[in-house]
Amino acid sequence: MPSNDVVPHRASDSAARTAAEVWLRSFATALPTVRCGHDEAEVHDRFARVLVARYETWVADTRRRMVGLLVLDG
């Protein structure tokens, strides 16, 4: 697989930290003037304990890094 191919897959528990980092970077880039209602530790905790653990969470990876995420509820 070339390094720029994107591969979606169901997130494992070990992906929670990286998924939280992707979300934090995305939030900061998309909404640079908006203050996030949660600090980084809270976002990491929520991804680990709630989003990846309890919901259907998908991530998109290249060979080099995670480039996207999706959390489904229902």
C-alpha atoms as a PDB file:
ATOM      1  CA  MET A   1       0.000   0.000   0.000  1.00  0.00           C
ATOM      2  CA  PRO A   2       1.411   3.417  -0.884  1.00  0.00           C
ATOM      3  CA  SER A   3       1.984   5.659   2.138  1.00  0.00           C
ATOM      4  CA  ASN A   4      -0.808   8.063   1.141  1.00  0.00           C
ATOM      5  CA  ASP A   5      -3.595   5.445   0.957  1.00  0.00           C
ATOM      6  CA  VAL A   6      -6.182   5.961   3.686  1.00  0.00           C
ATOM      7  CA  VAL A   7      -7.433   2.838   5.442  1.00  0.00           C
ATOM      8  CA  PRO A   8     -10.564   3.108   7.610  1.00  0.00           C
ATOM      9  CA  HIS A   9     -10.995   0.603  10.434  1.00  0.00           C
ATOM     10  CA  ARG A  10     -12.710   0.176  13.773  1.00  0.00           C
ATOM     11  CA  ALA A  11     -10.725   1.833  16.555  1.00  0.00           C
ATOM     12  CA  SER A  12      -9.117  -0.325  19.209  1.00  0.00           C
ATOM     13  CA  ASP A  13      -8.684   0.807  22.802  1.00  0.00           C
ATOM     14  CA  SER A  14      -5.059   1.581  22.021  1.00  0.00           C
ATOM     15  CA  ALA A  15      -6.139   4.128  19.364  1.00  0.00           C
ATOM     16  CA  ALA A  16      -8.002   6.337  21.862  1.00  0.00           C
ATOM     17  CA  ARG A  17      -5.048   8.582  22.687  1.00  0.00           C
ATOM     18  CA  THR A  18      -4.181   9.243  19.047  1.00  0.00           C
ATOM     19  CA  ALA A  19      -7.857   9.783  18.168  1.00  0.00           C
ATOM     20  CA  ALA A  20      -8.105  12.386  20.921  1.00  0.00           C
ATOM     21  CA  GLU A  21      -5.025  14.140  19.514  1.00  0.00           C
ATOM     22  CA  VAL A  22      -6.587  14.184  16.026  1.00  0.00           C
ATOM     23  CA  TRP A  23      -9.787  15.650  17.478  1.00  0.00           C
ATOM     24  CA  LEU A  24      -7.902  18.314  19.440  1.00  0.00           C
ATOM     25  CA  ARG A  25      -5.875  19.364  16.381  1.00  0.00           C
ATOM     26  CA  SER A  26      -9.013  19.419  14.220  1.00  0.00           C
ATOM     27  CA  PHE A  27     -10.901  21.546  16.734  1.00  0.00           C
ATOM     28  CA  ALA A  28      -8.038  24.025  17.019  1.00  0.00           C
ATOM     29  CA  THR A  29      -7.686  24.273  13.240  1.00  0.00           C
ATOM     30  CA  ALA A  30     -11.402  24.521  12.430  1.00  0.00           C
ATOM     31  CA  LEU A  31     -12.311  26.860  15.276  1.00  0.00           C
ATOM     32  CA  PRO A  32      -9.187  28.839  16.174  1.00  0.00           C
ATOM     33  CA  THR A  33     -11.094  31.579  17.998  1.00  0.00           C
ATOM     34  CA  VAL A  34     -13.361  29.253  19.997  1.00  0.00           C
ATOM     35  CA  ARG A  35     -12.310  28.100  23.450  1.00  0.00           C
ATOM     36  CA  CYS A  36     -12.718  24.344  23.866  1.00  0.00           C
ATOM     37  CA  GLY A  37     -15.005  23.525  26.783  1.00  0.00           C
ATOM     38  CA  HIS A  38     -12.659  20.763  27.994  1.00  0.00           C
ATOM     39  CA  ASP A  39      -8.938  20.672  28.659  1.00  0.00           C
ATOM     40  CA  GLU A  40      -6.700  18.152  26.887  1.00  0.00           C
ATOM     41  CA  ALA A  41      -6.754  15.684  29.786  1.00  0.00           C
ATOM     42  CA  GLU A  42     -10.574  15.656  29.790  1.00  0.00           C
ATOM     43  CA  VAL A  43     -10.684  15.061  26.030  1.00  0.00           C
ATOM     44  CA  HIS A  44      -8.203  12.173  26.330  1.00  0.00           C
ATOM     45  CA  ASP A  45     -10.187  10.684  29.209  1.00  0.00           C
ATOM     46  CA  ARG A  46     -13.484  10.933  27.311  1.00  0.00           C
ATOM     47  CA  PHE A  47     -12.037   9.245  24.239  1.00  0.00           C
ATOM     48  CA  ALA A  48     -10.593   6.404  26.322  1.00  0.00           C
ATOM     49  CA  ARG A  49     -13.466   5.829  28.744  1.00  0.00           C
ATOM     50  CA  VAL A  50     -16.488   6.755  26.639  1.00  0.00           C
ATOM     51  CA  LEU A  51     -16.086   7.241  22.896  1.00  0.00           C
ATOM     52  CA  VAL A  52     -13.801   4.363  21.915  1.00  0.00           C
ATOM     53  CA  ALA A  53     -14.930   2.107  24.771  1.00  0.00           C
ATOM     54  CA  ARG A  54     -18.708   2.491  24.371  1.00  0.00           C
ATOM     55  CA  TYR A  55     -19.460   3.772  20.874  1.00  0.00           C
ATOM     56  CA  GLU A  56     -18.702   2.555  17.393  1.00  0.00           C
ATOM     57  CA  THR A  57     -15.547   4.530  16.678  1.00  0.00           C
ATOM     58  CA  TRP A  58     -13.759   4.399  13.348  1.00  0.00           C
ATOM     59  CA  VAL A  59     -10.392   5.868  12.454  1.00  0.00           C
ATOM     60  CA  ALA A  60      -8.668   6.463   9.136  1.00  0.00           C
ATOM     61  CA  ASP A  61      -4.958   5.746   8.947  1.00  0.00           C
ATOM     62  CA  THR A  62      -2.203   6.028   6.419  1.00  0.00           C
ATOM     63  CA  ARG A  63       0.940   4.021   6.994  1.00  0.00           C
ATOM     64  CA  ARG A  64       2.361   7.056   8.752  1.00  0.00           C
ATOM     65  CA  ARG A  65      -0.436   8.400  10.951  1.00  0.00           C
ATOM     66  CA  MET A  66      -4.087   8.659  11.861  1.00  0.00           C
ATOM     67  CA  VAL A  67      -5.777  11.247   9.658  1.00  0.00           C
ATOM     68  CA  GLY A  68      -9.438  11.106  10.650  1.00  0.00           C
ATOM     69  CA  LEU A  69     -12.064   9.709  12.981  1.00  0.00           C
ATOM     70  CA  LEU A  70     -15.797   9.097  13.216  1.00  0.00           C
ATOM     71  CA  VAL A  71     -17.874   8.228  16.274  1.00  0.00           C
ATOM     72  CA  LEU A  72     -21.308   6.672  15.686  1.00  0.00           C
ATOM     73  CA  ASP A  73     -24.123   6.538  18.217  1.00  0.00           C
ATOM     74  CA  GLY A  74     -26.878   4.145  17.192  1.00  0.00           C
END
